[in-house]
Amino acid sequence: MSPQSTSPDSYSSLISFTPRQRLIGESAKTAETSNFKNTVGSLKRLVGRTLSDPEVAEFEKKFMNAELVDVGGSIGVKVGPHL
């Protein structure tokens, strides 16, 4: 989770990865159109779940633009090969 720079009590739900930087929140939203495959969001609802969870397999994977992967029993997100 990445804290928002605008408020220490809120967490961004959109992060965009580029070869040189990580964009969070509003700047990630701006970059989403040109960097769609490496921009991920709505991950908070996956915290504490696994890939074997039937709801994740049936519903969540359909709405994610990045590939969900298993990371030590938890859900992770795979972004571009250069990152």
Protein backbone atom coordinates (compact mmCIF):
# COMPACT_ATOMS: atom_id res chain seq x y z
CA MET A 1 0.00 0.00 0.00
CA SER A 2 1.25 3.46 -0.82
CA PRO A 3 0.20 6.49 1.22
CA GLN A 4 -1.13 9.48 -0.67
CA SER A 5 1.02 12.58 -0.51
CA THR A 6 -2.10 14.73 -0.06
CA SER A 7 -3.31 12.97 3.08
CA PRO A 8 -1.32 10.72 5.41
CA ASP A 9 -4.50 8.88 6.41
CA SER A 10 -5.60 7.78 2.94
CA TYR A 11 -4.14 5.23 0.56
CA SER A 12 -4.15 5.40 -3.20
CA SER A 13 -5.96 2.71 -5.12
CA LEU A 14 -4.18 3.41 -8.41
CA ILE A 15 -0.45 2.97 -9.09
CA SER A 16 1.31 3.26 -12.44
CA PHE A 17 4.80 1.84 -12.97
CA THR A 18 7.17 3.23 -15.59
CA PRO A 19 10.81 2.31 -16.25
CA ARG A 20 11.96 5.32 -14.22
CA GLN A 21 9.26 6.02 -11.65
CA ARG A 22 6.17 4.96 -9.77
CA LEU A 23 3.13 7.22 -10.09
CA ILE A 24 0.48 7.17 -7.36
CA GLY A 25 -3.08 8.47 -7.19
CA GLU A 26 -3.97 11.37 -9.49
CA SER A 27 -0.72 11.22 -11.45
CA ALA A 28 -1.28 7.48 -12.04
CA LYS A 29 -4.79 8.24 -13.30
CA THR A 30 -3.34 10.73 -15.76
CA ALA A 31 -0.75 8.18 -16.97
CA GLU A 32 -3.26 5.33 -17.20
CA THR A 33 -4.26 6.01 -20.82
CA SER A 34 -0.69 5.85 -22.10
CA ASN A 35 0.51 3.16 -19.69
CA PHE A 36 -2.55 0.94 -19.25
CA LYS A 37 -0.80 -2.43 -18.90
CA ASN A 38 1.47 -1.16 -16.13
CA THR A 39 -1.20 0.70 -14.17
CA VAL A 40 -2.99 -1.25 -11.48
CA GLY A 41 -5.85 -0.33 -9.23
CA SER A 42 -8.57 -1.75 -7.02
CA LEU A 43 -6.09 -4.00 -5.26
CA LYS A 44 -7.28 -3.15 -1.75
CA ARG A 45 -10.21 -5.54 -2.07
CA LEU A 46 -7.76 -8.40 -2.78
CA VAL A 47 -5.75 -7.94 0.45
CA GLY A 48 -5.81 -11.13 2.48
CA ARG A 49 -7.15 -13.29 -0.34
CA THR A 50 -5.52 -16.00 -2.44
CA LEU A 51 -5.64 -16.91 -6.12
CA SER A 52 -7.47 -20.10 -5.18
CA ASP A 53 -10.36 -18.08 -3.73
CA PRO A 54 -13.37 -18.85 -5.98
CA GLU A 55 -14.50 -15.20 -6.04
CA VAL A 56 -11.07 -14.07 -7.19
CA ALA A 57 -10.98 -16.70 -9.92
CA GLU A 58 -14.52 -16.04 -11.09
CA PHE A 59 -14.91 -12.27 -10.77
CA GLU A 60 -11.79 -10.29 -9.88
CA LYS A 61 -9.53 -11.61 -12.65
CA LYS A 62 -12.06 -10.45 -15.26
CA PHE A 63 -11.79 -6.82 -14.19
CA MET A 64 -8.04 -6.52 -13.67
CA ASN A 65 -5.88 -5.10 -16.45
CA ALA A 66 -2.73 -6.68 -14.96
CA GLU A 67 -2.01 -10.36 -14.43
CA LEU A 68 -2.66 -11.64 -10.90
CA VAL A 69 0.09 -13.94 -9.59
CA ASP A 70 0.76 -15.98 -6.46
CA VAL A 71 3.39 -14.46 -4.19
CA GLY A 72 3.99 -16.75 -1.24
CA GLY A 73 0.32 -17.63 -0.90
CA SER A 74 -0.89 -14.03 -1.32
CA ILE A 75 -2.03 -12.21 -4.43
CA GLY A 76 0.45 -10.08 -6.34
CA VAL A 77 0.30 -8.23 -9.64
CA LYS A 78 2.66 -8.72 -12.55
CA VAL A 79 3.46 -5.57 -14.51
CA GLY A 80 5.55 -5.08 -17.66
CA PRO A 81 8.75 -7.04 -18.28
CA HIS A 82 10.99 -3.97 -18.07
CA LEU A 83 9.93 -3.07 -14.55
